[in-house]
Amino acid sequence: MPYTTYHASCHCGDVRFEADVDLSAGTTKCNCTYCFKNRYWSLSVFPDRFREIASPNVAKSGSLTPGRCARCGVLTFARVTATDWNPVDHVAISVAAFDDIDPTDLASAPVTHCDGLHDNWWAAPAEVRHL
């Protein structure tokens, strides 16, 4: 698999990490209200392919998701634990957090659309152009 190490950060730079990513494995866009309102476009990596470099202001509890900077508010990543519908631990990364990704490579990565708005996560919504 063609892994590339990308570096990422929040807006203010307090949260920084790097991840070994295979863009050909695809990305995800969801239409649930959370993802839509955050314009969240993500990809997933296994935990051993994710390395936090600095995160002094990562919110640890409360209404902020881990990986969201408590200073500038940017959501950069979320650690996702295995569940019955998600069999493996992974780290969901906002592709907008990548500092050194080539926009052409990102635009050519496959995208899976999820209809989270209607709790039909494994199907694409009827309309995806706005995601």
N, C-alpha and C. Protein backbone atom coordinates (compact mmCIF):
# COMPACT_ATOMS: atom_id res chain seq x y z
N MET A 1 0.83 -1.18 0.00
CA MET A 1 0.00 0.00 0.00
C MET A 1 0.88 1.25 0.00
N PRO A 2 0.50 2.23 -0.76
CA PRO A 2 1.32 3.45 -0.89
C PRO A 2 1.05 4.46 0.23
N TYR A 3 1.72 4.29 1.35
CA TYR A 3 1.52 5.22 2.47
C TYR A 3 2.43 6.44 2.31
N THR A 4 1.87 7.60 2.61
CA THR A 4 2.62 8.84 2.63
C THR A 4 2.43 9.47 4.00
N THR A 5 3.49 9.98 4.58
CA THR A 5 3.38 10.66 5.86
C THR A 5 3.03 12.12 5.62
N TYR A 6 1.89 12.52 6.19
CA TYR A 6 1.43 13.91 6.10
C TYR A 6 1.48 14.52 7.49
N HIS A 7 1.73 15.80 7.53
CA HIS A 7 1.75 16.56 8.78
C HIS A 7 0.48 17.40 8.84
N ALA A 8 -0.04 17.60 10.04
CA ALA A 8 -1.31 18.29 10.19
C ALA A 8 -1.31 19.15 11.43
N SER A 9 -2.21 20.13 11.44
CA SER A 9 -2.32 21.02 12.59
C SER A 9 -3.68 21.70 12.59
N CYS A 10 -3.99 22.29 13.73
CA CYS A 10 -5.18 23.14 13.83
C CYS A 10 -4.81 24.53 13.30
N HIS A 11 -5.73 25.46 13.38
CA HIS A 11 -5.49 26.82 12.86
C HIS A 11 -4.36 27.54 13.62
N CYS A 12 -4.36 27.44 14.94
CA CYS A 12 -3.35 28.18 15.72
C CYS A 12 -2.04 27.40 15.87
N GLY A 13 -2.04 26.12 15.51
CA GLY A 13 -0.82 25.31 15.57
C GLY A 13 -0.58 24.61 16.89
N ASP A 14 -1.48 24.77 17.86
CA ASP A 14 -1.29 24.09 19.14
C ASP A 14 -1.44 22.57 19.01
N VAL A 15 -2.37 22.12 18.18
CA VAL A 15 -2.56 20.69 17.95
C VAL A 15 -1.83 20.33 16.67
N ARG A 16 -0.85 19.42 16.79
CA ARG A 16 -0.07 18.99 15.64
C ARG A 16 0.11 17.48 15.69
N PHE A 17 0.05 16.87 14.53
CA PHE A 17 0.27 15.43 14.44
C PHE A 17 0.74 15.07 13.04
N GLU A 18 1.14 13.82 12.89
CA GLU A 18 1.46 13.29 11.57
C GLU A 18 0.80 11.93 11.44
N ALA A 19 0.52 11.55 10.21
CA ALA A 19 -0.15 10.27 9.97
C ALA A 19 0.34 9.68 8.66
N ASP A 20 0.45 8.36 8.65
CA ASP A 20 0.81 7.63 7.45
C ASP A 20 -0.50 7.26 6.76
N VAL A 21 -0.72 7.83 5.59
CA VAL A 21 -2.02 7.77 4.92
C VAL A 21 -1.90 7.11 3.55
N ASP A 22 -2.88 6.31 3.23
CA ASP A 22 -3.05 5.75 1.89
C ASP A 22 -4.30 6.40 1.30
N LEU A 23 -4.12 7.44 0.51
CA LEU A 23 -5.27 8.15 -0.05
C LEU A 23 -6.12 7.27 -0.96
N SER A 24 -5.52 6.26 -1.56
CA SER A 24 -6.30 5.38 -2.42
C SER A 24 -7.31 4.54 -1.63
N ALA A 25 -7.13 4.47 -0.31
CA ALA A 25 -8.09 3.75 0.54
C ALA A 25 -9.38 4.54 0.71
N GLY A 26 -9.35 5.82 0.36
CA GLY A 26 -10.56 6.61 0.33
C GLY A 26 -10.78 7.53 1.52
N THR A 27 -11.74 8.40 1.34
CA THR A 27 -12.14 9.39 2.33
C THR A 27 -13.65 9.27 2.53
N THR A 28 -14.17 10.02 3.50
CA THR A 28 -15.60 9.94 3.80
C THR A 28 -16.18 11.33 3.98
N LYS A 29 -17.38 11.51 3.44
CA LYS A 29 -18.18 12.72 3.67
C LYS A 29 -19.56 12.26 4.10
N CYS A 30 -20.08 12.89 5.14
CA CYS A 30 -21.35 12.50 5.71
C CYS A 30 -22.30 13.69 5.73
N ASN A 31 -23.59 13.41 5.66
CA ASN A 31 -24.58 14.49 5.68
C ASN A 31 -25.29 14.63 7.02
N CYS A 32 -24.79 13.96 8.08
CA CYS A 32 -25.41 14.16 9.39
C CYS A 32 -25.21 15.63 9.78
N THR A 33 -25.99 16.12 10.71
CA THR A 33 -25.90 17.54 11.03
C THR A 33 -24.53 17.92 11.58
N TYR A 34 -23.89 17.02 12.34
CA TYR A 34 -22.57 17.34 12.89
C TYR A 34 -21.54 17.50 11.77
N CYS A 35 -21.45 16.51 10.91
CA CYS A 35 -20.46 16.57 9.83
C CYS A 35 -20.77 17.70 8.86
N PHE A 36 -22.04 17.86 8.51
CA PHE A 36 -22.41 18.91 7.56
C PHE A 36 -22.08 20.29 8.11
N LYS A 37 -22.44 20.57 9.34
CA LYS A 37 -22.19 21.89 9.91
C LYS A 37 -20.71 22.17 10.12
N ASN A 38 -19.93 21.12 10.31
CA ASN A 38 -18.48 21.29 10.45
C ASN A 38 -17.75 21.17 9.11
N ARG A 39 -18.48 20.85 8.05
CA ARG A 39 -17.87 20.61 6.73
C ARG A 39 -16.78 19.55 6.85
N TYR A 40 -17.08 18.52 7.63
CA TYR A 40 -16.10 17.49 7.99
C TYR A 40 -15.93 16.49 6.86
N TRP A 41 -14.74 16.44 6.31
CA TRP A 41 -14.33 15.48 5.29
C TRP A 41 -13.18 14.72 5.92
N SER A 42 -13.31 13.42 6.04
CA SER A 42 -12.34 12.68 6.84
C SER A 42 -11.76 11.48 6.11
N LEU A 43 -10.73 10.96 6.71
CA LEU A 43 -10.18 9.66 6.35
C LEU A 43 -9.78 8.98 7.63
N SER A 44 -9.60 7.68 7.57
CA SER A 44 -9.28 6.91 8.77
C SER A 44 -7.94 6.22 8.63
N VAL A 45 -7.23 6.15 9.75
CA VAL A 45 -5.98 5.41 9.82
C VAL A 45 -5.99 4.57 11.10
N PHE A 46 -5.23 3.50 11.08
CA PHE A 46 -5.07 2.71 12.30
C PHE A 46 -4.25 3.52 13.30
N PRO A 47 -4.48 3.30 14.59
CA PRO A 47 -3.76 4.08 15.62
C PRO A 47 -2.24 4.06 15.50
N ASP A 48 -1.66 2.95 15.01
CA ASP A 48 -0.20 2.89 14.91
C ASP A 48 0.34 3.71 13.74
N ARG A 49 -0.54 4.28 12.93
CA ARG A 49 -0.13 5.14 11.82
C ARG A 49 -0.41 6.62 12.12
N PHE A 50 -0.69 6.91 13.39
CA PHE A 50 -1.03 8.27 13.84
C PHE A 50 -0.13 8.64 15.01
N ARG A 51 0.50 9.81 14.92
CA ARG A 51 1.42 10.24 15.98
C ARG A 51 1.14 11.69 16.34
N GLU A 52 0.72 11.91 17.58
CA GLU A 52 0.55 13.28 18.07
C GLU A 52 1.92 13.88 18.30
N ILE A 53 2.12 15.08 17.85
CA ILE A 53 3.38 15.79 18.06
C ILE A 53 3.22 16.78 19.20
N ALA A 54 2.12 17.50 19.20
CA ALA A 54 1.82 18.45 20.28
C ALA A 54 0.31 18.59 20.39
N SER A 55 -0.16 18.64 21.59
CA SER A 55 -1.61 18.83 21.79
C SER A 55 -1.90 19.41 23.16
N PRO A 56 -1.25 20.54 23.51
CA PRO A 56 -1.47 21.11 24.84
C PRO A 56 -2.89 21.63 25.05
N ASN A 57 -3.57 21.98 23.96
CA ASN A 57 -4.90 22.55 24.08
C ASN A 57 -6.00 21.66 23.51
N VAL A 58 -5.76 20.36 23.45
CA VAL A 58 -6.81 19.45 22.99
C VAL A 58 -7.81 19.30 24.12
N ALA A 59 -9.07 19.53 23.79
CA ALA A 59 -10.13 19.37 24.79
C ALA A 59 -10.23 17.90 25.18
N LYS A 60 -10.23 17.62 26.46
CA LYS A 60 -10.25 16.23 26.94
C LYS A 60 -11.63 15.77 27.37
N SER A 61 -12.53 16.70 27.62
CA SER A 61 -13.86 16.31 28.07
C SER A 61 -14.86 17.42 27.76
N GLY A 62 -16.07 17.18 28.14
CA GLY A 62 -17.10 18.19 27.89
C GLY A 62 -17.66 18.04 26.50
N SER A 63 -18.14 19.13 25.95
CA SER A 63 -18.81 19.07 24.66
C SER A 63 -17.84 19.04 23.48
N LEU A 64 -16.54 19.30 23.73
CA LEU A 64 -15.59 19.29 22.63
C LEU A 64 -15.07 17.88 22.40
N THR A 65 -14.95 17.52 21.13
CA THR A 65 -14.46 16.21 20.74
C THR A 65 -12.94 16.17 20.88
N PRO A 66 -12.37 15.07 21.36
CA PRO A 66 -10.91 14.96 21.37
C PRO A 66 -10.36 15.23 19.98
N GLY A 67 -9.29 15.98 19.93
CA GLY A 67 -8.72 16.36 18.66
C GLY A 67 -9.18 17.74 18.23
N ARG A 68 -10.12 18.33 18.97
CA ARG A 68 -10.55 19.70 18.71
C ARG A 68 -9.71 20.61 19.60
N CYS A 69 -9.11 21.62 19.00
CA CYS A 69 -8.29 22.54 19.77
C CYS A 69 -9.17 23.43 20.63
N ALA A 70 -8.85 23.47 21.92
CA ALA A 70 -9.63 24.28 22.86
C ALA A 70 -9.35 25.77 22.68
N ARG A 71 -8.26 26.11 21.98
CA ARG A 71 -7.93 27.52 21.77
C ARG A 71 -8.57 28.07 20.50
N CYS A 72 -8.38 27.41 19.35
CA CYS A 72 -8.92 27.94 18.09
C CYS A 72 -10.20 27.25 17.64
N GLY A 73 -10.52 26.08 18.23
CA GLY A 73 -11.77 25.40 17.94
C GLY A 73 -11.77 24.46 16.75
N VAL A 74 -10.65 24.31 16.05
CA VAL A 74 -10.62 23.47 14.86
C VAL A 74 -10.58 21.99 15.26
N LEU A 75 -11.46 21.21 14.63
CA LEU A 75 -11.48 19.76 14.82
C LEU A 75 -10.47 19.14 13.87
N THR A 76 -9.46 18.49 14.41
CA THR A 76 -8.42 17.91 13.57
C THR A 76 -8.51 16.40 13.47
N PHE A 77 -8.87 15.73 14.55
CA PHE A 77 -8.96 14.27 14.55
C PHE A 77 -9.87 13.81 15.67
N ALA A 78 -10.24 12.54 15.62
CA ALA A 78 -10.99 11.92 16.71
C ALA A 78 -10.58 10.46 16.80
N ARG A 79 -10.30 10.01 17.99
CA ARG A 79 -10.00 8.59 18.19
C ARG A 79 -11.34 7.85 18.30
N VAL A 80 -11.49 6.81 17.50
CA VAL A 80 -12.74 6.06 17.45
C VAL A 80 -12.48 4.64 17.94
N THR A 81 -13.18 4.26 18.99
CA THR A 81 -13.00 2.91 19.52
C THR A 81 -13.92 1.93 18.82
N ALA A 82 -13.53 0.68 18.82
CA ALA A 82 -14.31 -0.37 18.17
C ALA A 82 -15.68 -0.52 18.82
N THR A 83 -16.67 -0.76 18.00
CA THR A 83 -18.03 -1.01 18.45
C THR A 83 -18.59 -2.16 17.62
N ASP A 84 -19.84 -2.50 17.87
CA ASP A 84 -20.43 -3.59 17.09
C ASP A 84 -20.57 -3.22 15.61
N TRP A 85 -20.74 -1.95 15.29
CA TRP A 85 -20.86 -1.54 13.89
C TRP A 85 -19.53 -1.09 13.28
N ASN A 86 -18.52 -0.91 14.15
CA ASN A 86 -17.20 -0.48 13.71
C ASN A 86 -16.19 -1.40 14.39
N PRO A 87 -15.77 -2.46 13.72
CA PRO A 87 -15.02 -3.52 14.38
C PRO A 87 -13.58 -3.23 14.81
N VAL A 88 -12.99 -2.10 14.38
CA VAL A 88 -11.60 -1.84 14.74
C VAL A 88 -11.41 -0.41 15.24
N ASP A 89 -10.48 -0.24 16.17
CA ASP A 89 -10.10 1.10 16.59
C ASP A 89 -9.45 1.82 15.41
N HIS A 90 -9.72 3.11 15.29
CA HIS A 90 -9.06 3.91 14.27
C HIS A 90 -9.06 5.38 14.69
N VAL A 91 -8.35 6.17 13.93
CA VAL A 91 -8.32 7.60 14.14
C VAL A 91 -8.93 8.24 12.90
N ALA A 92 -10.00 9.00 13.09
CA ALA A 92 -10.62 9.74 12.00
C ALA A 92 -9.94 11.10 11.94
N ILE A 93 -9.44 11.45 10.78
CA ILE A 93 -8.68 12.68 10.60
C ILE A 93 -9.42 13.59 9.62
N SER A 94 -9.54 14.84 10.00
CA SER A 94 -10.10 15.84 9.08
C SER A 94 -9.04 16.13 8.02
N VAL A 95 -9.39 15.93 6.76
CA VAL A 95 -8.40 16.18 5.71
C VAL A 95 -8.03 17.67 5.63
N ALA A 96 -8.89 18.54 6.14
CA ALA A 96 -8.59 19.97 6.16
C ALA A 96 -7.43 20.30 7.10
N ALA A 97 -7.10 19.39 8.01
CA ALA A 97 -6.01 19.63 8.96
C ALA A 97 -4.63 19.41 8.34
N PHE A 98 -4.57 18.70 7.21
CA PHE A 98 -3.27 18.42 6.60
C PHE A 98 -2.62 19.69 6.08
N ASP A 99 -1.36 19.88 6.45
CA ASP A 99 -0.61 21.06 6.04
C ASP A 99 0.13 20.85 4.72
N ASP A 100 0.50 19.63 4.43
CA ASP A 100 1.39 19.39 3.29
C ASP A 100 0.82 18.41 2.27
N ILE A 101 -0.49 18.30 2.21
CA ILE A 101 -1.11 17.42 1.23
C ILE A 101 -1.30 18.19 -0.07
N ASP A 102 -1.07 17.54 -1.17
CA ASP A 102 -1.26 18.15 -2.48
C ASP A 102 -2.76 18.17 -2.78
N PRO A 103 -3.37 19.32 -3.00
CA PRO A 103 -4.81 19.39 -3.27
C PRO A 103 -5.25 18.51 -4.44
N THR A 104 -4.38 18.34 -5.43
CA THR A 104 -4.71 17.48 -6.56
C THR A 104 -4.84 16.03 -6.12
N ASP A 105 -3.94 15.58 -5.24
CA ASP A 105 -4.02 14.21 -4.72
C ASP A 105 -5.28 14.03 -3.90
N LEU A 106 -5.59 15.02 -3.08
CA LEU A 106 -6.79 14.93 -2.25
C LEU A 106 -8.05 14.90 -3.12
N ALA A 107 -8.10 15.74 -4.14
CA ALA A 107 -9.27 15.79 -5.02
C ALA A 107 -9.48 14.49 -5.79
N SER A 108 -8.40 13.74 -5.99
CA SER A 108 -8.53 12.48 -6.74
C SER A 108 -8.77 11.28 -5.83
N ALA A 109 -8.74 11.48 -4.53
CA ALA A 109 -8.99 10.37 -3.59
C ALA A 109 -10.46 9.95 -3.67
N PRO A 110 -10.71 8.65 -3.61
CA PRO A 110 -12.10 8.19 -3.61
C PRO A 110 -12.85 8.73 -2.39
N VAL A 111 -14.14 9.00 -2.57
CA VAL A 111 -14.99 9.51 -1.49
C VAL A 111 -16.18 8.57 -1.31
N THR A 112 -16.40 8.15 -0.06
CA THR A 112 -17.60 7.41 0.29
C THR A 112 -18.53 8.39 0.99
N HIS A 113 -19.76 8.48 0.51
CA HIS A 113 -20.76 9.36 1.11
C HIS A 113 -21.66 8.54 2.02
N CYS A 114 -21.95 9.07 3.19
CA CYS A 114 -22.78 8.38 4.18
C CYS A 114 -24.04 9.20 4.47
N ASP A 115 -25.18 8.52 4.52
CA ASP A 115 -26.44 9.20 4.83
C ASP A 115 -26.71 9.14 6.33
N GLY A 116 -25.86 9.82 7.09
CA GLY A 116 -26.03 9.85 8.54
C GLY A 116 -27.24 10.64 8.97
N LEU A 117 -27.68 11.58 8.15
CA LEU A 117 -28.84 12.40 8.47
C LEU A 117 -30.09 11.54 8.68
N HIS A 118 -30.16 10.43 7.94
CA HIS A 118 -31.32 9.53 8.03
C HIS A 118 -30.97 8.20 8.69
N ASP A 119 -29.86 8.17 9.44
CA ASP A 119 -29.41 6.95 10.11
C ASP A 119 -29.25 5.78 9.16
N ASN A 120 -28.87 6.07 7.94
CA ASN A 120 -28.64 5.06 6.92
C ASN A 120 -27.17 5.14 6.51
N TRP A 121 -26.31 4.89 7.49
CA TRP A 121 -24.87 5.14 7.37
C TRP A 121 -24.19 4.40 6.24
N TRP A 122 -24.72 3.26 5.83
CA TRP A 122 -24.03 2.44 4.83
C TRP A 122 -24.51 2.74 3.41
N ALA A 123 -25.36 3.75 3.25
CA ALA A 123 -25.84 4.14 1.92
C ALA A 123 -25.51 5.61 1.67
N ALA A 124 -25.36 5.94 0.42
CA ALA A 124 -25.11 7.33 0.06
C ALA A 124 -26.43 8.09 0.03
N PRO A 125 -26.41 9.35 0.44
CA PRO A 125 -27.63 10.16 0.32
C PRO A 125 -27.94 10.42 -1.15
N ALA A 126 -29.18 10.78 -1.42
CA ALA A 126 -29.59 11.03 -2.79
C ALA A 126 -28.81 12.20 -3.42
N GLU A 127 -28.49 13.21 -2.62
CA GLU A 127 -27.76 14.37 -3.10
C GLU A 127 -26.44 14.49 -2.34
N VAL A 128 -25.34 14.61 -3.06
CA VAL A 128 -24.02 14.69 -2.42
C VAL A 128 -23.20 15.90 -2.88
N ARG A 129 -23.69 16.64 -3.87
CA ARG A 129 -22.88 17.74 -4.42
C ARG A 129 -22.56 18.79 -3.36
N HIS A 130 -23.38 18.96 -2.34
CA HIS A 130 -23.16 19.98 -1.32
C HIS A 130 -22.21 19.51 -0.22
N LEU A 131 -21.85 18.25 -0.22
CA LEU A 131 -21.00 17.73 0.85
C LEU A 131 -19.55 17.99 0.54
